[in-house]
Amino acid sequence: MNWFRKIATARTLYHGTSINNYDSIKSIGLVPDTGDFVSDSYAGEYEAAGVEFDPVPVTYATDKENLMKAVNAMQYAVSKMLGKTFHQVTSGDLKSYGMLVIMKEGEEYWEHRPEEEIGPWGDWQGETDNRYPAVEPGDYFSEEVQGPVEILIGNKMVSFLKKQGIWAEEDPDQFRNDLLTMAIRYHIKEDPTRRDEIIEKVKAQVNALDDEQVKEYYKLYSGKINELV
């Protein structure tokens, strides 16, 4: 007699946002909407193609295999909340203002767009009757309010994401060292005859920057270095 039978359960799903939405999601659940993340990501593509961007309001979710999608959505929501660009958001910002919404066995009551479909933008090109133009292959979506849900914020959220291998603490010193290397390389290329002078000048300027300024100049010089290649 078989005393053990493995019971298959539906996948748990995840949705990333900011703590601005904590009270409403806690009391009501996830309410379908066409938010800034969707509009900013896709409206321009439609406008360029001469197609009206008027999607049906839906809520988006992802599974554990694509959990980084939820983290990216969270980072975007936090950037809007803090008035920062997407890349200015730090791991500390995500810890303080990010929120991961969890739907146990959500696969049972969410619709799913299969991975097999051609993407990443699917069939939006030239289409005027696509109800879900921003739903990418692999996305889960729902037109219904979804709740109750579990919410993770702060240390509990960080601990969970670390276990999934997608949370990396930032190292300000590494950013600073990498910026120093790139800036020296770039400016010496401009005038190799002043090598020693340039190195000392760049060191002084980089060391005078605070951590946020280092990150901004890091992005700037990442682009400049690419110009040298």
C-alpha atoms as a PDB file:
ATOM      1  CA  MET A   1       0.000   0.000   0.000  1.00  0.00           C
ATOM      2  CA  ASN A   2       1.288   3.444  -0.890  1.00  0.00           C
ATOM      3  CA  TRP A   3       1.325   5.375   2.384  1.00  0.00           C
ATOM      4  CA  PHE A   4       2.807   8.486   0.800  1.00  0.00           C
ATOM      5  CA  ARG A   5       1.256  10.567  -1.933  1.00  0.00           C
ATOM      6  CA  LYS A   6       2.879  13.816  -3.022  1.00  0.00           C
ATOM      7  CA  ILE A   7       0.264  16.556  -3.185  1.00  0.00           C
ATOM      8  CA  ALA A   8       0.949  19.180  -5.824  1.00  0.00           C
ATOM      9  CA  THR A   9       0.257  22.738  -4.717  1.00  0.00           C
ATOM     10  CA  ALA A  10      -0.110  25.849  -6.832  1.00  0.00           C
ATOM     11  CA  ARG A  11       2.793  28.270  -6.992  1.00  0.00           C
ATOM     12  CA  THR A  12       3.091  31.173  -4.598  1.00  0.00           C
ATOM     13  CA  LEU A  13       3.141  34.538  -6.392  1.00  0.00           C
ATOM     14  CA  TYR A  14       4.827  37.851  -5.553  1.00  0.00           C
ATOM     15  CA  HIS A  15       4.154  41.544  -6.172  1.00  0.00           C
ATOM     16  CA  GLY A  16       6.611  44.361  -5.447  1.00  0.00           C
ATOM     17  CA  THR A  17       5.594  47.884  -4.444  1.00  0.00           C
ATOM     18  CA  SER A  18       6.328  50.571  -1.816  1.00  0.00           C
ATOM     19  CA  ILE A  19       5.041  51.019   1.729  1.00  0.00           C
ATOM     20  CA  ASN A  20       2.920  53.901   0.431  1.00  0.00           C
ATOM     21  CA  ASN A  21       0.409  51.176  -0.398  1.00  0.00           C
ATOM     22  CA  TYR A  22       0.672  49.265   2.878  1.00  0.00           C
ATOM     23  CA  ASP A  23      -2.626  50.329   4.470  1.00  0.00           C
ATOM     24  CA  SER A  24      -4.780  49.812   1.378  1.00  0.00           C
ATOM     25  CA  ILE A  25      -3.249  46.443   0.489  1.00  0.00           C
ATOM     26  CA  LYS A  26      -3.443  45.257   4.098  1.00  0.00           C
ATOM     27  CA  SER A  27      -7.133  46.160   4.396  1.00  0.00           C
ATOM     28  CA  ILE A  28      -8.419  45.604   0.847  1.00  0.00           C
ATOM     29  CA  GLY A  29      -5.844  43.588  -1.065  1.00  0.00           C
ATOM     30  CA  LEU A  30      -4.246  44.240  -4.449  1.00  0.00           C
ATOM     31  CA  VAL A  31      -6.507  46.456  -6.562  1.00  0.00           C
ATOM     32  CA  PRO A  32      -6.098  46.321 -10.372  1.00  0.00           C
ATOM     33  CA  ASP A  33      -4.696  49.527 -11.835  1.00  0.00           C
ATOM     34  CA  THR A  34      -2.618  50.911 -14.691  1.00  0.00           C
ATOM     35  CA  GLY A  35       0.152  52.442 -12.623  1.00  0.00           C
ATOM     36  CA  ASP A  36       3.204  54.548 -13.423  1.00  0.00           C
ATOM     37  CA  PHE A  37       5.435  51.505 -13.852  1.00  0.00           C
ATOM     38  CA  VAL A  38       3.276  50.133 -16.677  1.00  0.00           C
ATOM     39  CA  SER A  39       2.656  53.512 -18.318  1.00  0.00           C
ATOM     40  CA  ASP A  40       6.303  54.592 -18.180  1.00  0.00           C
ATOM     41  CA  SER A  41       7.485  51.219 -19.464  1.00  0.00           C
ATOM     42  CA  TYR A  42       5.097  50.761 -22.387  1.00  0.00           C
ATOM     43  CA  ALA A  43       3.164  53.896 -23.342  1.00  0.00           C
ATOM     44  CA  GLY A  44       6.071  55.289 -25.374  1.00  0.00           C
ATOM     45  CA  GLU A  45       6.293  52.108 -27.432  1.00  0.00           C
ATOM     46  CA  TYR A  46       2.632  52.393 -28.366  1.00  0.00           C
ATOM     47  CA  GLU A  47       2.863  56.105 -29.102  1.00  0.00           C
ATOM     48  CA  ALA A  48       5.809  55.499 -31.419  1.00  0.00           C
ATOM     49  CA  ALA A  49       3.776  52.883 -33.285  1.00  0.00           C
ATOM     50  CA  GLY A  50       0.711  55.139 -33.515  1.00  0.00           C
ATOM     51  CA  VAL A  51      -1.356  52.805 -31.343  1.00  0.00           C
ATOM     52  CA  GLU A  52      -3.498  54.007 -28.440  1.00  0.00           C
ATOM     53  CA  PHE A  53      -2.252  52.779 -25.080  1.00  0.00           C
ATOM     54  CA  ASP A  54      -5.421  51.963 -23.147  1.00  0.00           C
ATOM     55  CA  PRO A  55      -4.859  48.719 -21.233  1.00  0.00           C
ATOM     56  CA  VAL A  56      -7.400  47.024 -18.997  1.00  0.00           C
ATOM     57  CA  PRO A  57      -6.414  47.729 -15.355  1.00  0.00           C
ATOM     58  CA  VAL A  58      -4.773  44.608 -13.943  1.00  0.00           C
ATOM     59  CA  THR A  59      -2.520  43.648 -11.069  1.00  0.00           C
ATOM     60  CA  TYR A  60       0.797  42.003 -11.916  1.00  0.00           C
ATOM     61  CA  ALA A  61       2.602  39.222 -10.106  1.00  0.00           C
ATOM     62  CA  THR A  62       5.461  36.814 -10.679  1.00  0.00           C
ATOM     63  CA  ASP A  63       6.610  33.446  -9.396  1.00  0.00           C
ATOM     64  CA  LYS A  64       9.759  32.628  -7.435  1.00  0.00           C
ATOM     65  CA  GLU A  65      11.726  31.775 -10.574  1.00  0.00           C
ATOM     66  CA  ASN A  66      11.227  35.344 -11.803  1.00  0.00           C
ATOM     67  CA  LEU A  67      11.221  37.062  -8.428  1.00  0.00           C
ATOM     68  CA  MET A  68      13.587  39.778  -9.677  1.00  0.00           C
ATOM     69  CA  LYS A  69      10.636  41.215 -11.622  1.00  0.00           C
ATOM     70  CA  ALA A  70       8.893  41.938  -8.313  1.00  0.00           C
ATOM     71  CA  VAL A  71      12.074  43.494  -6.901  1.00  0.00           C
ATOM     72  CA  ASN A  72      12.400  45.726  -9.975  1.00  0.00           C
ATOM     73  CA  ALA A  73       8.766  46.831  -9.600  1.00  0.00           C
ATOM     74  CA  MET A  74       9.440  47.536  -5.925  1.00  0.00           C
ATOM     75  CA  GLN A  75      12.521  49.593  -6.773  1.00  0.00           C
ATOM     76  CA  TYR A  76      10.527  51.617  -9.289  1.00  0.00           C
ATOM     77  CA  ALA A  77       7.741  52.287  -6.772  1.00  0.00           C
ATOM     78  CA  VAL A  78      10.285  53.378  -4.156  1.00  0.00           C
ATOM     79  CA  SER A  79      11.993  55.665  -6.685  1.00  0.00           C
ATOM     80  CA  LYS A  80       8.654  57.396  -7.318  1.00  0.00           C
ATOM     81  CA  MET A  81       7.967  57.651  -3.603  1.00  0.00           C
ATOM     82  CA  LEU A  82      11.351  59.240  -2.854  1.00  0.00           C
ATOM     83  CA  GLY A  83      11.641  61.356  -5.998  1.00  0.00           C
ATOM     84  CA  LYS A  84      14.747  59.504  -7.148  1.00  0.00           C
ATOM     85  CA  THR A  85      15.689  57.880 -10.420  1.00  0.00           C
ATOM     86  CA  PHE A  86      15.465  54.098 -10.570  1.00  0.00           C
ATOM     87  CA  HIS A  87      19.232  53.650 -10.262  1.00  0.00           C
ATOM     88  CA  GLN A  88      19.523  56.099  -7.372  1.00  0.00           C
ATOM     89  CA  VAL A  89      17.501  53.805  -5.122  1.00  0.00           C
ATOM     90  CA  THR A  90      19.803  52.059  -2.653  1.00  0.00           C
ATOM     91  CA  SER A  91      19.416  48.748  -0.852  1.00  0.00           C
ATOM     92  CA  GLY A  92      18.799  50.833   2.274  1.00  0.00           C
ATOM     93  CA  ASP A  93      15.925  52.605   0.512  1.00  0.00           C
ATOM     94  CA  LEU A  94      14.405  49.263  -0.465  1.00  0.00           C
ATOM     95  CA  LYS A  95      14.737  47.994   3.089  1.00  0.00           C
ATOM     96  CA  SER A  96      13.068  51.110   4.514  1.00  0.00           C
ATOM     97  CA  TYR A  97      10.395  51.774   1.892  1.00  0.00           C
ATOM     98  CA  GLY A  98       9.976  48.598  -0.178  1.00  0.00           C
ATOM     99  CA  MET A  99       7.236  46.027   0.259  1.00  0.00           C
ATOM    100  CA  LEU A 100       6.865  42.491  -1.048  1.00  0.00           C
ATOM    101  CA  VAL A 101       3.305  41.170  -1.301  1.00  0.00           C
ATOM    102  CA  ILE A 102       2.904  37.387  -1.216  1.00  0.00           C
ATOM    103  CA  MET A 103      -0.064  35.367  -2.508  1.00  0.00           C
ATOM    104  CA  LYS A 104       0.054  31.794  -1.244  1.00  0.00           C
ATOM    105  CA  GLU A 105      -0.882  29.325  -4.010  1.00  0.00           C
ATOM    106  CA  GLY A 106      -1.728  32.358  -6.140  1.00  0.00           C
ATOM    107  CA  GLU A 107      -1.300  30.378  -9.321  1.00  0.00           C
ATOM    108  CA  GLU A 108      -4.810  29.000  -8.733  1.00  0.00           C
ATOM    109  CA  TYR A 109      -6.580  32.333  -9.080  1.00  0.00           C
ATOM    110  CA  TRP A 110      -4.332  34.430 -11.324  1.00  0.00           C
ATOM    111  CA  GLU A 111      -4.158  34.258 -15.109  1.00  0.00           C
ATOM    112  CA  HIS A 112      -0.795  33.448 -16.659  1.00  0.00           C
ATOM    113  CA  ARG A 113       0.747  34.414 -19.973  1.00  0.00           C
ATOM    114  CA  PRO A 114       2.930  31.482 -21.074  1.00  0.00           C
ATOM    115  CA  GLU A 115       6.662  31.871 -21.571  1.00  0.00           C
ATOM    116  CA  GLU A 116       6.333  30.415 -25.080  1.00  0.00           C
ATOM    117  CA  GLU A 117       4.781  33.577 -26.445  1.00  0.00           C
ATOM    118  CA  ILE A 118       7.053  35.897 -28.400  1.00  0.00           C
ATOM    119  CA  GLY A 119       8.157  38.944 -26.450  1.00  0.00           C
ATOM    120  CA  PRO A 120       9.210  40.850 -24.615  1.00  0.00           C
ATOM    121  CA  TRP A 121       6.377  43.133 -25.706  1.00  0.00           C
ATOM    122  CA  GLY A 122       4.239  40.385 -27.135  1.00  0.00           C
ATOM    123  CA  ASP A 123       1.727  41.312 -29.793  1.00  0.00           C
ATOM    124  CA  TRP A 124       1.375  45.032 -29.155  1.00  0.00           C
ATOM    125  CA  GLN A 125       2.951  46.073 -32.454  1.00  0.00           C
ATOM    126  CA  GLY A 126       0.146  47.414 -34.618  1.00  0.00           C
ATOM    127  CA  GLU A 127      -2.568  45.839 -32.479  1.00  0.00           C
ATOM    128  CA  THR A 128      -5.539  47.901 -31.326  1.00  0.00           C
ATOM    129  CA  ASP A 129      -7.579  45.188 -29.623  1.00  0.00           C
ATOM    130  CA  ASN A 130      -5.057  43.783 -27.154  1.00  0.00           C
ATOM    131  CA  ARG A 131      -6.675  43.940 -23.706  1.00  0.00           C
ATOM    132  CA  TYR A 132      -3.402  43.276 -21.922  1.00  0.00           C
ATOM    133  CA  PRO A 133      -0.651  45.085 -23.870  1.00  0.00           C
ATOM    134  CA  ALA A 134       1.740  45.338 -20.923  1.00  0.00           C
ATOM    135  CA  VAL A 135       1.516  41.689 -19.842  1.00  0.00           C
ATOM    136  CA  GLU A 136       4.823  40.078 -20.805  1.00  0.00           C
ATOM    137  CA  PRO A 137       5.431  36.371 -21.393  1.00  0.00           C
ATOM    138  CA  GLY A 138       5.737  34.700 -17.994  1.00  0.00           C
ATOM    139  CA  ASP A 139       3.661  37.337 -16.158  1.00  0.00           C
ATOM    140  CA  TYR A 140       0.744  36.512 -13.911  1.00  0.00           C
ATOM    141  CA  PHE A 141      -2.099  39.032 -13.948  1.00  0.00           C
ATOM    142  CA  SER A 142      -5.607  39.575 -12.608  1.00  0.00           C
ATOM    143  CA  GLU A 143      -8.494  41.931 -13.225  1.00  0.00           C
ATOM    144  CA  GLU A 144      -9.914  41.083  -9.788  1.00  0.00           C
ATOM    145  CA  VAL A 145      -9.057  42.451  -6.354  1.00  0.00           C
ATOM    146  CA  GLN A 146      -6.696  39.926  -4.758  1.00  0.00           C
ATOM    147  CA  GLY A 147      -6.678  39.436  -1.012  1.00  0.00           C
ATOM    148  CA  PRO A 148      -6.029  38.681   1.746  1.00  0.00           C
ATOM    149  CA  VAL A 149      -2.279  38.657   1.202  1.00  0.00           C
ATOM    150  CA  GLU A 150       0.901  38.338   3.218  1.00  0.00           C
ATOM    151  CA  ILE A 151       3.210  41.365   3.380  1.00  0.00           C
ATOM    152  CA  LEU A 152       6.947  41.483   3.991  1.00  0.00           C
ATOM    153  CA  ILE A 153       8.806  44.708   4.797  1.00  0.00           C
ATOM    154  CA  GLY A 154      12.076  45.687   6.459  1.00  0.00           C
ATOM    155  CA  ASN A 155      14.320  42.989   7.908  1.00  0.00           C
ATOM    156  CA  LYS A 156      11.891  40.150   7.173  1.00  0.00           C
ATOM    157  CA  MET A 157      11.724  41.120   3.509  1.00  0.00           C
ATOM    158  CA  VAL A 158      15.513  41.440   3.261  1.00  0.00           C
ATOM    159  CA  SER A 159      15.974  38.065   4.955  1.00  0.00           C
ATOM    160  CA  PHE A 160      13.580  36.408   2.508  1.00  0.00           C
ATOM    161  CA  LEU A 161      15.216  37.971  -0.562  1.00  0.00           C
ATOM    162  CA  LYS A 162      18.684  37.038   0.684  1.00  0.00           C
ATOM    163  CA  LYS A 163      17.564  33.413   0.925  1.00  0.00           C
ATOM    164  CA  GLN A 164      16.503  33.632  -2.721  1.00  0.00           C
ATOM    165  CA  GLY A 165      19.928  34.960  -3.664  1.00  0.00           C
ATOM    166  CA  ILE A 166      18.696  38.270  -5.110  1.00  0.00           C
ATOM    167  CA  TRP A 167      19.601  40.737  -2.372  1.00  0.00           C
ATOM    168  CA  ALA A 168      23.052  42.272  -2.459  1.00  0.00           C
ATOM    169  CA  GLU A 169      24.262  44.729   0.153  1.00  0.00           C
ATOM    170  CA  GLU A 170      25.998  47.669  -1.449  1.00  0.00           C
ATOM    171  CA  ASP A 171      29.658  48.285  -0.719  1.00  0.00           C
ATOM    172  CA  PRO A 172      30.323  52.053  -0.867  1.00  0.00           C
ATOM    173  CA  ASP A 173      34.087  51.481  -0.763  1.00  0.00           C
ATOM    174  CA  GLN A 174      33.946  49.236  -3.826  1.00  0.00           C
ATOM    175  CA  PHE A 175      31.931  51.858  -5.730  1.00  0.00           C
ATOM    176  CA  ARG A 176      34.527  54.479  -4.765  1.00  0.00           C
ATOM    177  CA  ASN A 177      37.487  52.308  -5.803  1.00  0.00           C
ATOM    178  CA  ASP A 178      35.878  51.425  -9.126  1.00  0.00           C
ATOM    179  CA  LEU A 179      35.051  55.074  -9.801  1.00  0.00           C
ATOM    180  CA  LEU A 180      38.636  56.050  -9.037  1.00  0.00           C
ATOM    181  CA  THR A 181      39.963  53.474 -11.479  1.00  0.00           C
ATOM    182  CA  MET A 182      37.604  54.554 -14.258  1.00  0.00           C
ATOM    183  CA  ALA A 183      38.171  58.294 -13.749  1.00  0.00           C
ATOM    184  CA  ILE A 184      41.953  57.949 -13.744  1.00  0.00           C
ATOM    185  CA  ARG A 185      41.874  55.812 -16.864  1.00  0.00           C
ATOM    186  CA  TYR A 186      39.573  58.245 -18.639  1.00  0.00           C
ATOM    187  CA  HIS A 187      41.446  61.451 -17.823  1.00  0.00           C
ATOM    188  CA  ILE A 188      44.923  60.032 -18.430  1.00  0.00           C
ATOM    189  CA  LYS A 189      43.712  59.073 -21.884  1.00  0.00           C
ATOM    190  CA  GLU A 190      42.942  62.761 -22.459  1.00  0.00           C
ATOM    191  CA  ASP A 191      46.515  63.844 -21.661  1.00  0.00           C
ATOM    192  CA  PRO A 192      49.066  61.060 -20.917  1.00  0.00           C
ATOM    193  CA  THR A 193      51.843  63.644 -20.396  1.00  0.00           C
ATOM    194  CA  ARG A 194      50.208  64.767 -17.114  1.00  0.00           C
ATOM    195  CA  ARG A 195      49.751  61.248 -15.690  1.00  0.00           C
ATOM    196  CA  ASP A 196      50.982  61.814 -12.110  1.00  0.00           C
ATOM    197  CA  GLU A 197      49.233  65.175 -11.795  1.00  0.00           C
ATOM    198  CA  ILE A 198      45.949  63.713 -13.067  1.00  0.00           C
ATOM    199  CA  ILE A 199      46.103  60.754 -10.688  1.00  0.00           C
ATOM    200  CA  GLU A 200      46.556  62.981  -7.635  1.00  0.00           C
ATOM    201  CA  LYS A 201      43.842  65.373  -8.752  1.00  0.00           C
ATOM    202  CA  VAL A 202      41.331  62.585  -9.425  1.00  0.00           C
ATOM    203  CA  LYS A 203      42.075  60.925  -6.073  1.00  0.00           C
ATOM    204  CA  ALA A 204      41.410  64.173  -4.228  1.00  0.00           C
ATOM    205  CA  GLN A 205      38.161  64.803  -6.074  1.00  0.00           C
ATOM    206  CA  VAL A 206      36.809  61.271  -5.651  1.00  0.00           C
ATOM    207  CA  ASN A 207      37.708  61.154  -1.954  1.00  0.00           C
ATOM    208  CA  ALA A 208      35.803  64.415  -1.427  1.00  0.00           C
ATOM    209  CA  LEU A 209      32.537  62.892  -2.703  1.00  0.00           C
ATOM    210  CA  ASP A 210      29.884  61.460  -0.401  1.00  0.00           C
ATOM    211  CA  ASP A 211      28.499  57.970  -1.082  1.00  0.00           C
ATOM    212  CA  GLU A 212      25.503  59.182  -3.111  1.00  0.00           C
ATOM    213  CA  GLN A 213      27.709  61.400  -5.273  1.00  0.00           C
ATOM    214  CA  VAL A 214      30.065  58.470  -5.835  1.00  0.00           C
ATOM    215  CA  LYS A 215      27.183  56.416  -7.233  1.00  0.00           C
ATOM    216  CA  GLU A 216      26.166  59.220  -9.587  1.00  0.00           C
ATOM    217  CA  TYR A 217      29.708  59.704 -10.903  1.00  0.00           C
ATOM    218  CA  TYR A 218      30.109  55.920 -11.138  1.00  0.00           C
ATOM    219  CA  LYS A 219      27.234  55.807 -13.632  1.00  0.00           C
ATOM    220  CA  LEU A 220      28.637  58.815 -15.486  1.00  0.00           C
ATOM    221  CA  TYR A 221      32.121  57.342 -15.869  1.00  0.00           C
ATOM    222  CA  SER A 222      30.752  53.904 -16.748  1.00  0.00           C
ATOM    223  CA  GLY A 223      29.387  55.565 -19.859  1.00  0.00           C
ATOM    224  CA  LYS A 224      32.528  57.576 -20.497  1.00  0.00           C
ATOM    225  CA  ILE A 225      34.712  54.461 -20.323  1.00  0.00           C
ATOM    226  CA  ASN A 226      32.545  52.795 -22.945  1.00  0.00           C
ATOM    227  CA  GLU A 227      33.358  55.700 -25.256  1.00  0.00           C
ATOM    228  CA  LEU A 228      37.051  54.814 -25.049  1.00  0.00           C
ATOM    229  CA  VAL A 229      36.541  51.256 -26.276  1.00  0.00           C
END
